Amino acid sequence: MKTLRERCSAIDLLIVDVDGVLTSGGIVYGSPEMEIKQFNVRDGSGLHLWHLAGKRTGLLTGRSSPLVQRRAAELGIGLVVQGASEKLPAYQSMLAQANVGGEAVCYIGDDLPDVPLLRLCGLAVAVADACPEARAVAHYITQTPGGRGAVRETIELVLRCQGRWRDW
């Protein structure tokens, strides 16, 4: 059984679910063409620091939204899969594209479609307000809920365990 520090030490690729992780999970419709999502600035700054540390990031979501592509572009996230009704094949494709094994992946999820991926990755993270099934298989449960800085919390944890966090 690996310790949390040992799991963190191997992480090179962070794959994040969107709704419920990068956002609080709420979706606001302003009109048939307008969807509104709220992203947390601290998550964004954490992802910026992650990339400065030479790490890679992917977004994997079951829904499709132009807002996700826009946020990914703003943050320099190259691996983006949207509309994945089955997340496992999309996850496997992302790993092949990044040329990494599961032990080098931290996956952050919050709901039932994330559970198979949480079971396969090197560091499984569930946000504080994740469903019980996701929390049950996680190696780490954030103190922060989804959309409120849980991604940043995870990034700090991993980089601190790797000795790569500094007072920026």
N, C-alpha and C. Protein backbone atom coordinates (compact mmCIF):
# COMPACT_ATOMS: atom_id res chain seq x y z
N MET A 1 0.85 -1.18 0.00
CA MET A 1 0.00 0.00 0.00
C MET A 1 0.89 1.25 0.00
N LYS A 2 0.75 2.08 -1.02
CA LYS A 2 1.56 3.29 -1.13
C LYS A 2 1.02 4.39 -0.22
N THR A 3 1.94 5.19 0.28
CA THR A 3 1.54 6.35 1.07
C THR A 3 1.10 7.46 0.12
N LEU A 4 0.43 8.46 0.66
CA LEU A 4 0.01 9.60 -0.14
C LEU A 4 1.23 10.30 -0.75
N ARG A 5 2.28 10.46 0.03
CA ARG A 5 3.50 11.10 -0.48
C ARG A 5 4.10 10.30 -1.64
N GLU A 6 4.13 8.99 -1.54
CA GLU A 6 4.65 8.16 -2.62
C GLU A 6 3.79 8.29 -3.88
N ARG A 7 2.48 8.33 -3.70
CA ARG A 7 1.58 8.51 -4.85
C ARG A 7 1.82 9.86 -5.51
N CYS A 8 1.94 10.90 -4.70
CA CYS A 8 2.16 12.25 -5.23
C CYS A 8 3.48 12.37 -5.97
N SER A 9 4.50 11.67 -5.50
CA SER A 9 5.83 11.80 -6.08
C SER A 9 5.89 11.38 -7.55
N ALA A 10 4.99 10.50 -7.97
CA ALA A 10 5.02 9.98 -9.33
C ALA A 10 4.18 10.80 -10.32
N ILE A 11 3.46 11.81 -9.85
CA ILE A 11 2.47 12.49 -10.69
C ILE A 11 3.12 13.48 -11.65
N ASP A 12 2.77 13.33 -12.93
CA ASP A 12 3.22 14.25 -13.98
C ASP A 12 2.04 14.87 -14.73
N LEU A 13 0.92 14.15 -14.78
CA LEU A 13 -0.26 14.60 -15.54
C LEU A 13 -1.45 14.71 -14.60
N LEU A 14 -2.09 15.86 -14.61
CA LEU A 14 -3.29 16.12 -13.83
C LEU A 14 -4.47 16.14 -14.79
N ILE A 15 -5.45 15.26 -14.57
CA ILE A 15 -6.67 15.25 -15.38
C ILE A 15 -7.82 15.62 -14.46
N VAL A 16 -8.60 16.60 -14.90
CA VAL A 16 -9.64 17.19 -14.06
C VAL A 16 -10.99 17.11 -14.74
N ASP A 17 -11.99 16.66 -14.02
CA ASP A 17 -13.38 16.77 -14.45
C ASP A 17 -13.74 18.25 -14.38
N VAL A 18 -14.77 18.67 -15.08
CA VAL A 18 -15.11 20.09 -15.09
C VAL A 18 -16.26 20.40 -14.14
N ASP A 19 -17.47 19.98 -14.48
CA ASP A 19 -18.64 20.31 -13.67
C ASP A 19 -18.58 19.59 -12.33
N GLY A 20 -18.54 20.36 -11.26
CA GLY A 20 -18.45 19.81 -9.92
C GLY A 20 -17.03 19.77 -9.39
N VAL A 21 -16.03 20.05 -10.25
CA VAL A 21 -14.64 20.08 -9.82
C VAL A 21 -14.03 21.45 -10.13
N LEU A 22 -13.97 21.80 -11.41
CA LEU A 22 -13.51 23.16 -11.76
C LEU A 22 -14.62 24.18 -11.54
N THR A 23 -15.85 23.72 -11.52
CA THR A 23 -16.99 24.57 -11.19
C THR A 23 -17.71 23.95 -10.00
N SER A 24 -18.64 24.68 -9.43
CA SER A 24 -19.40 24.13 -8.30
C SER A 24 -20.43 23.12 -8.75
N GLY A 25 -20.60 22.97 -10.04
CA GLY A 25 -21.56 22.00 -10.57
C GLY A 25 -22.84 22.64 -11.05
N GLY A 26 -23.05 23.89 -10.74
CA GLY A 26 -24.25 24.59 -11.19
C GLY A 26 -24.10 25.05 -12.63
N ILE A 27 -25.20 25.02 -13.36
CA ILE A 27 -25.22 25.50 -14.74
C ILE A 27 -26.36 26.50 -14.84
N VAL A 28 -26.06 27.68 -15.33
CA VAL A 28 -27.07 28.72 -15.50
C VAL A 28 -27.31 28.91 -16.98
N TYR A 29 -28.55 28.82 -17.40
CA TYR A 29 -28.91 29.07 -18.79
C TYR A 29 -29.55 30.44 -18.87
N GLY A 30 -28.98 31.31 -19.71
CA GLY A 30 -29.53 32.64 -19.90
C GLY A 30 -30.49 32.69 -21.06
N SER A 31 -30.31 31.81 -22.04
CA SER A 31 -31.16 31.65 -23.21
C SER A 31 -30.76 30.32 -23.84
N PRO A 32 -31.45 29.89 -24.89
CA PRO A 32 -31.06 28.60 -25.49
C PRO A 32 -29.60 28.56 -25.95
N GLU A 33 -29.02 29.69 -26.28
CA GLU A 33 -27.64 29.73 -26.75
C GLU A 33 -26.64 30.12 -25.67
N MET A 34 -27.10 30.49 -24.50
CA MET A 34 -26.19 31.03 -23.50
C MET A 34 -26.15 30.17 -22.24
N GLU A 35 -24.95 29.67 -21.96
CA GLU A 35 -24.70 28.89 -20.74
C GLU A 35 -23.66 29.65 -19.93
N ILE A 36 -23.82 29.67 -18.62
CA ILE A 36 -22.89 30.38 -17.75
C ILE A 36 -22.28 29.38 -16.76
N LYS A 37 -20.95 29.41 -16.67
CA LYS A 37 -20.22 28.61 -15.68
C LYS A 37 -19.31 29.54 -14.91
N GLN A 38 -19.13 29.25 -13.64
CA GLN A 38 -18.23 30.06 -12.81
C GLN A 38 -17.02 29.22 -12.44
N PHE A 39 -15.84 29.74 -12.81
CA PHE A 39 -14.58 29.08 -12.50
C PHE A 39 -13.89 29.85 -11.38
N ASN A 40 -13.15 29.13 -10.54
CA ASN A 40 -12.45 29.74 -9.42
C ASN A 40 -11.07 30.24 -9.85
N VAL A 41 -10.77 31.49 -9.54
CA VAL A 41 -9.49 32.09 -9.91
C VAL A 41 -8.32 31.36 -9.26
N ARG A 42 -8.47 30.90 -8.03
CA ARG A 42 -7.37 30.20 -7.36
C ARG A 42 -7.05 28.87 -8.06
N ASP A 43 -8.07 28.21 -8.58
CA ASP A 43 -7.80 27.00 -9.38
C ASP A 43 -6.99 27.37 -10.60
N GLY A 44 -7.36 28.46 -11.25
CA GLY A 44 -6.63 28.92 -12.43
C GLY A 44 -5.19 29.26 -12.12
N SER A 45 -4.96 29.97 -11.02
CA SER A 45 -3.58 30.31 -10.66
C SER A 45 -2.80 29.06 -10.26
N GLY A 46 -3.47 28.12 -9.62
CA GLY A 46 -2.81 26.85 -9.30
C GLY A 46 -2.40 26.09 -10.54
N LEU A 47 -3.26 26.08 -11.55
CA LEU A 47 -2.92 25.42 -12.81
C LEU A 47 -1.76 26.13 -13.51
N HIS A 48 -1.72 27.44 -13.41
CA HIS A 48 -0.59 28.19 -13.96
C HIS A 48 0.71 27.76 -13.27
N LEU A 49 0.70 27.67 -11.95
CA LEU A 49 1.88 27.23 -11.20
C LEU A 49 2.25 25.79 -11.55
N TRP A 50 1.25 24.94 -11.73
CA TRP A 50 1.47 23.55 -12.14
C TRP A 50 2.25 23.50 -13.45
N HIS A 51 1.81 24.32 -14.40
CA HIS A 51 2.49 24.34 -15.70
C HIS A 51 3.91 24.92 -15.58
N LEU A 52 4.08 25.93 -14.72
CA LEU A 52 5.42 26.47 -14.49
C LEU A 52 6.37 25.42 -13.92
N ALA A 53 5.81 24.46 -13.19
CA ALA A 53 6.61 23.36 -12.63
C ALA A 53 6.89 22.28 -13.67
N GLY A 54 6.45 22.51 -14.92
CA GLY A 54 6.72 21.57 -16.00
C GLY A 54 5.73 20.43 -16.09
N LYS A 55 4.60 20.58 -15.43
CA LYS A 55 3.59 19.52 -15.41
C LYS A 55 2.54 19.75 -16.50
N ARG A 56 1.81 18.69 -16.83
CA ARG A 56 0.79 18.75 -17.88
C ARG A 56 -0.60 18.56 -17.29
N THR A 57 -1.60 19.07 -18.03
CA THR A 57 -2.98 19.04 -17.55
C THR A 57 -3.93 18.64 -18.67
N GLY A 58 -4.99 17.93 -18.28
CA GLY A 58 -6.07 17.62 -19.20
C GLY A 58 -7.40 17.86 -18.54
N LEU A 59 -8.40 18.20 -19.35
CA LEU A 59 -9.78 18.31 -18.88
C LEU A 59 -10.58 17.22 -19.54
N LEU A 60 -11.41 16.55 -18.76
CA LEU A 60 -12.24 15.45 -19.25
C LEU A 60 -13.64 15.62 -18.69
N THR A 61 -14.61 15.85 -19.57
CA THR A 61 -15.96 16.12 -19.12
C THR A 61 -16.99 15.40 -19.98
N GLY A 62 -18.07 15.04 -19.35
CA GLY A 62 -19.16 14.38 -20.04
C GLY A 62 -20.03 15.33 -20.85
N ARG A 63 -19.99 16.60 -20.50
CA ARG A 63 -20.77 17.62 -21.21
C ARG A 63 -19.88 18.33 -22.21
N SER A 64 -20.50 19.09 -23.09
CA SER A 64 -19.75 19.92 -24.05
C SER A 64 -20.19 21.36 -23.89
N SER A 65 -19.21 22.25 -23.86
CA SER A 65 -19.49 23.67 -23.72
C SER A 65 -18.35 24.48 -24.30
N PRO A 66 -18.66 25.51 -25.09
CA PRO A 66 -17.60 26.38 -25.58
C PRO A 66 -16.84 27.06 -24.45
N LEU A 67 -17.49 27.21 -23.29
CA LEU A 67 -16.83 27.83 -22.16
C LEU A 67 -15.66 27.00 -21.64
N VAL A 68 -15.79 25.69 -21.72
CA VAL A 68 -14.71 24.80 -21.28
C VAL A 68 -13.50 24.97 -22.19
N GLN A 69 -13.75 25.02 -23.49
CA GLN A 69 -12.64 25.21 -24.44
C GLN A 69 -11.98 26.56 -24.23
N ARG A 70 -12.79 27.57 -23.96
CA ARG A 70 -12.24 28.91 -23.71
C ARG A 70 -11.37 28.92 -22.46
N ARG A 71 -11.87 28.32 -21.37
CA ARG A 71 -11.10 28.29 -20.12
C ARG A 71 -9.82 27.48 -20.31
N ALA A 72 -9.89 26.37 -21.01
CA ALA A 72 -8.70 25.56 -21.28
C ALA A 72 -7.66 26.37 -22.05
N ALA A 73 -8.10 27.12 -23.05
CA ALA A 73 -7.18 27.95 -23.83
C ALA A 73 -6.55 29.03 -22.96
N GLU A 74 -7.34 29.66 -22.09
CA GLU A 74 -6.82 30.69 -21.19
C GLU A 74 -5.74 30.14 -20.27
N LEU A 75 -5.91 28.89 -19.86
CA LEU A 75 -4.99 28.28 -18.89
C LEU A 75 -3.87 27.47 -19.55
N GLY A 76 -3.87 27.38 -20.87
CA GLY A 76 -2.83 26.63 -21.56
C GLY A 76 -2.96 25.13 -21.42
N ILE A 77 -4.20 24.65 -21.33
CA ILE A 77 -4.46 23.21 -21.20
C ILE A 77 -4.65 22.63 -22.59
N GLY A 78 -3.76 21.73 -22.99
CA GLY A 78 -3.80 21.18 -24.33
C GLY A 78 -4.68 19.96 -24.51
N LEU A 79 -4.77 19.14 -23.48
CA LEU A 79 -5.58 17.92 -23.57
C LEU A 79 -6.99 18.22 -23.08
N VAL A 80 -7.94 18.25 -23.99
CA VAL A 80 -9.33 18.53 -23.62
C VAL A 80 -10.24 17.56 -24.35
N VAL A 81 -11.04 16.82 -23.57
CA VAL A 81 -12.05 15.94 -24.14
C VAL A 81 -13.38 16.33 -23.54
N GLN A 82 -14.32 16.71 -24.41
CA GLN A 82 -15.66 17.07 -23.98
C GLN A 82 -16.66 16.08 -24.59
N GLY A 83 -17.82 16.00 -23.97
CA GLY A 83 -18.89 15.15 -24.49
C GLY A 83 -18.59 13.66 -24.36
N ALA A 84 -17.78 13.29 -23.39
CA ALA A 84 -17.40 11.89 -23.20
C ALA A 84 -18.50 11.19 -22.40
N SER A 85 -19.44 10.58 -23.09
CA SER A 85 -20.52 9.88 -22.38
C SER A 85 -19.96 8.70 -21.58
N GLU A 86 -18.92 8.09 -22.08
CA GLU A 86 -18.17 7.07 -21.36
C GLU A 86 -16.77 7.63 -21.13
N LYS A 87 -16.43 7.90 -19.90
CA LYS A 87 -15.16 8.56 -19.62
C LYS A 87 -13.95 7.64 -19.72
N LEU A 88 -14.12 6.36 -19.48
CA LEU A 88 -12.97 5.45 -19.46
C LEU A 88 -12.22 5.41 -20.80
N PRO A 89 -12.90 5.23 -21.94
CA PRO A 89 -12.15 5.24 -23.22
C PRO A 89 -11.47 6.59 -23.47
N ALA A 90 -12.12 7.67 -23.11
CA ALA A 90 -11.53 9.00 -23.29
C ALA A 90 -10.29 9.15 -22.41
N TYR A 91 -10.36 8.67 -21.18
CA TYR A 91 -9.23 8.71 -20.25
C TYR A 91 -8.05 7.92 -20.82
N GLN A 92 -8.32 6.71 -21.30
CA GLN A 92 -7.26 5.87 -21.86
C GLN A 92 -6.63 6.52 -23.08
N SER A 93 -7.44 7.19 -23.89
CA SER A 93 -6.93 7.90 -25.06
C SER A 93 -6.04 9.07 -24.63
N MET A 94 -6.44 9.78 -23.58
CA MET A 94 -5.63 10.90 -23.08
C MET A 94 -4.28 10.41 -22.58
N LEU A 95 -4.25 9.29 -21.88
CA LEU A 95 -3.00 8.74 -21.39
C LEU A 95 -2.08 8.34 -22.55
N ALA A 96 -2.67 7.74 -23.58
CA ALA A 96 -1.88 7.35 -24.75
C ALA A 96 -1.33 8.60 -25.46
N GLN A 97 -2.17 9.62 -25.58
CA GLN A 97 -1.74 10.87 -26.22
C GLN A 97 -0.61 11.53 -25.44
N ALA A 98 -0.69 11.48 -24.11
CA ALA A 98 0.34 12.09 -23.25
C ALA A 98 1.53 11.16 -23.05
N ASN A 99 1.40 9.92 -23.49
CA ASN A 99 2.45 8.91 -23.34
C ASN A 99 2.86 8.71 -21.88
N VAL A 100 1.84 8.52 -21.02
CA VAL A 100 2.08 8.25 -19.59
C VAL A 100 1.26 7.04 -19.16
N GLY A 101 1.72 6.40 -18.11
CA GLY A 101 0.98 5.32 -17.49
C GLY A 101 0.09 5.87 -16.39
N GLY A 102 -0.86 5.09 -15.95
CA GLY A 102 -1.80 5.51 -14.93
C GLY A 102 -1.17 5.94 -13.63
N GLU A 103 -0.02 5.38 -13.26
CA GLU A 103 0.63 5.72 -12.00
C GLU A 103 1.13 7.17 -11.98
N ALA A 104 1.29 7.78 -13.17
CA ALA A 104 1.77 9.16 -13.27
C ALA A 104 0.63 10.17 -13.36
N VAL A 105 -0.62 9.68 -13.18
CA VAL A 105 -1.80 10.53 -13.34
C VAL A 105 -2.50 10.77 -12.02
N CYS A 106 -2.83 12.03 -11.80
CA CYS A 106 -3.75 12.41 -10.73
C CYS A 106 -5.05 12.78 -11.40
N TYR A 107 -6.12 12.13 -11.00
CA TYR A 107 -7.44 12.44 -11.54
C TYR A 107 -8.29 13.02 -10.41
N ILE A 108 -8.95 14.14 -10.70
CA ILE A 108 -9.84 14.76 -9.71
C ILE A 108 -11.27 14.66 -10.23
N GLY A 109 -12.13 14.02 -9.42
CA GLY A 109 -13.52 13.84 -9.82
C GLY A 109 -14.49 14.08 -8.67
N ASP A 110 -15.77 13.97 -9.01
CA ASP A 110 -16.79 14.25 -8.00
C ASP A 110 -18.03 13.36 -8.08
N ASP A 111 -18.19 12.57 -9.15
CA ASP A 111 -19.45 11.86 -9.31
C ASP A 111 -19.24 10.46 -9.88
N LEU A 112 -20.32 9.74 -10.01
CA LEU A 112 -20.26 8.33 -10.43
C LEU A 112 -19.49 8.07 -11.72
N PRO A 113 -19.63 8.90 -12.77
CA PRO A 113 -18.84 8.62 -13.99
C PRO A 113 -17.33 8.70 -13.78
N ASP A 114 -16.91 9.31 -12.69
CA ASP A 114 -15.48 9.45 -12.39
C ASP A 114 -14.91 8.25 -11.65
N VAL A 115 -15.74 7.45 -11.04
CA VAL A 115 -15.27 6.36 -10.19
C VAL A 115 -14.35 5.38 -10.91
N PRO A 116 -14.67 4.91 -12.14
CA PRO A 116 -13.73 3.99 -12.80
C PRO A 116 -12.35 4.59 -13.02
N LEU A 117 -12.28 5.89 -13.30
CA LEU A 117 -11.00 6.55 -13.52
C LEU A 117 -10.25 6.72 -12.20
N LEU A 118 -10.98 7.04 -11.15
CA LEU A 118 -10.36 7.16 -9.83
C LEU A 118 -9.73 5.84 -9.40
N ARG A 119 -10.31 4.74 -9.82
CA ARG A 119 -9.78 3.42 -9.46
C ARG A 119 -8.50 3.08 -10.23
N LEU A 120 -8.27 3.74 -11.37
CA LEU A 120 -7.14 3.38 -12.24
C LEU A 120 -5.92 4.28 -12.12
N CYS A 121 -6.09 5.48 -11.60
CA CYS A 121 -4.99 6.44 -11.63
C CYS A 121 -4.06 6.29 -10.43
N GLY A 122 -2.91 6.93 -10.52
CA GLY A 122 -1.93 6.86 -9.44
C GLY A 122 -2.35 7.61 -8.19
N LEU A 123 -3.02 8.74 -8.38
CA LEU A 123 -3.52 9.53 -7.26
C LEU A 123 -4.96 9.91 -7.55
N ALA A 124 -5.88 9.29 -6.84
CA ALA A 124 -7.31 9.54 -7.00
C ALA A 124 -7.76 10.58 -5.99
N VAL A 125 -8.30 11.68 -6.50
CA VAL A 125 -8.74 12.77 -5.63
C VAL A 125 -10.22 13.02 -5.85
N ALA A 126 -10.96 13.07 -4.76
CA ALA A 126 -12.37 13.45 -4.79
C ALA A 126 -12.51 14.78 -4.07
N VAL A 127 -13.31 15.67 -4.65
CA VAL A 127 -13.55 16.96 -3.98
C VAL A 127 -14.41 16.73 -2.75
N ALA A 128 -14.37 17.67 -1.82
CA ALA A 128 -15.06 17.53 -0.52
C ALA A 128 -16.53 17.19 -0.66
N ASP A 129 -17.20 17.75 -1.67
CA ASP A 129 -18.63 17.52 -1.84
C ASP A 129 -18.94 16.47 -2.90
N ALA A 130 -17.98 15.59 -3.17
CA ALA A 130 -18.19 14.49 -4.12
C ALA A 130 -19.21 13.49 -3.58
N CYS A 131 -19.75 12.68 -4.48
CA CYS A 131 -20.68 11.64 -4.06
C CYS A 131 -19.94 10.60 -3.21
N PRO A 132 -20.67 9.88 -2.36
CA PRO A 132 -20.01 8.91 -1.46
C PRO A 132 -19.17 7.86 -2.19
N GLU A 133 -19.61 7.44 -3.36
CA GLU A 133 -18.87 6.42 -4.11
C GLU A 133 -17.51 6.94 -4.56
N ALA A 134 -17.44 8.19 -4.98
CA ALA A 134 -16.15 8.78 -5.38
C ALA A 134 -15.25 8.96 -4.17
N ARG A 135 -15.80 9.43 -3.08
CA ARG A 135 -15.00 9.61 -1.87
C ARG A 135 -14.47 8.27 -1.36
N ALA A 136 -15.25 7.21 -1.53
CA ALA A 136 -14.85 5.89 -1.02
C ALA A 136 -13.62 5.33 -1.73
N VAL A 137 -13.41 5.67 -2.99
CA VAL A 137 -12.26 5.12 -3.73
C VAL A 137 -11.09 6.09 -3.82
N ALA A 138 -11.26 7.30 -3.30
CA ALA A 138 -10.22 8.32 -3.40
C ALA A 138 -9.06 8.05 -2.44
N HIS A 139 -7.87 8.39 -2.88
CA HIS A 139 -6.69 8.36 -2.01
C HIS A 139 -6.63 9.63 -1.17
N TYR A 140 -7.26 10.70 -1.69
CA TYR A 140 -7.27 11.98 -1.00
C TYR A 140 -8.60 12.66 -1.26
N ILE A 141 -9.19 13.21 -0.23
CA ILE A 141 -10.43 13.99 -0.34
C ILE A 141 -10.08 15.41 0.06
N THR A 142 -10.35 16.35 -0.85
CA THR A 142 -10.00 17.74 -0.56
C THR A 142 -10.84 18.28 0.59
N GLN A 143 -10.32 19.28 1.26
CA GLN A 143 -11.09 19.98 2.28
C GLN A 143 -12.02 20.99 1.62
N THR A 144 -11.68 21.37 0.40
CA THR A 144 -12.41 22.39 -0.34
C THR A 144 -13.38 21.74 -1.31
N PRO A 145 -14.62 22.25 -1.40
CA PRO A 145 -15.57 21.71 -2.38
C PRO A 145 -15.18 22.04 -3.82
N GLY A 146 -15.79 21.35 -4.75
CA GLY A 146 -15.58 21.63 -6.17
C GLY A 146 -15.96 23.07 -6.51
N GLY A 147 -15.17 23.68 -7.38
CA GLY A 147 -15.41 25.05 -7.80
C GLY A 147 -14.99 26.10 -6.80
N ARG A 148 -14.39 25.69 -5.69
CA ARG A 148 -14.00 26.61 -4.62
C ARG A 148 -12.51 26.54 -4.28
N GLY A 149 -11.72 25.95 -5.17
CA GLY A 149 -10.28 25.87 -4.93
C GLY A 149 -9.77 24.46 -4.70
N ALA A 150 -10.57 23.44 -4.96
CA ALA A 150 -10.13 22.06 -4.74
C ALA A 150 -8.99 21.65 -5.67
N VAL A 151 -9.00 22.18 -6.88
CA VAL A 151 -7.91 21.87 -7.82
C VAL A 151 -6.61 22.49 -7.30
N ARG A 152 -6.67 23.72 -6.85
CA ARG A 152 -5.48 24.39 -6.30
C ARG A 152 -4.96 23.63 -5.08
N GLU A 153 -5.87 23.19 -4.21
CA GLU A 153 -5.47 22.42 -3.03
C GLU A 153 -4.71 21.17 -3.44
N THR A 154 -5.20 20.49 -4.46
CA THR A 154 -4.56 19.27 -4.95
C THR A 154 -3.19 19.56 -5.54
N ILE A 155 -3.11 20.62 -6.33
CA ILE A 155 -1.83 21.00 -6.94
C ILE A 155 -0.80 21.31 -5.87
N GLU A 156 -1.19 22.06 -4.86
CA GLU A 156 -0.26 22.38 -3.76
C GLU A 156 0.20 21.09 -3.07
N LEU A 157 -0.73 20.18 -2.80
CA LEU A 157 -0.38 18.92 -2.16
C LEU A 157 0.67 18.16 -2.96
N VAL A 158 0.42 17.99 -4.25
CA VAL A 158 1.34 17.21 -5.09
C VAL A 158 2.69 17.89 -5.19
N LEU A 159 2.69 19.19 -5.48
CA LEU A 159 3.97 19.88 -5.63
C LEU A 159 4.75 19.94 -4.31
N ARG A 160 4.06 20.07 -3.18
CA ARG A 160 4.75 20.04 -1.88
C ARG A 160 5.39 18.66 -1.65
N CYS A 161 4.64 17.61 -1.94
CA CYS A 161 5.18 16.25 -1.76
C CYS A 161 6.37 16.00 -2.68
N GLN A 162 6.39 16.65 -3.82
CA GLN A 162 7.49 16.48 -4.78
C GLN A 162 8.64 17.44 -4.48
N GLY A 163 8.48 18.29 -3.46
CA GLY A 163 9.51 19.28 -3.14
C GLY A 163 9.61 20.37 -4.20
N ARG A 164 8.52 20.59 -4.94
CA ARG A 164 8.55 21.56 -6.04
C ARG A 164 7.70 22.79 -5.75
N TRP A 165 7.11 22.85 -4.56
CA TRP A 165 6.34 24.03 -4.20
C TRP A 165 7.28 25.05 -3.57
N ARG A 166 7.11 26.26 -3.91
CA ARG A 166 7.93 27.31 -3.31
C ARG A 166 7.04 28.53 -3.06
N ASP A 167 7.53 29.46 -2.33
CA ASP A 167 6.79 30.71 -2.11
C ASP A 167 6.97 31.58 -3.33
N TRP A 168 6.09 31.44 -4.24
CA TRP A 168 6.18 32.10 -5.54
C TRP A 168 6.25 33.59 -5.35
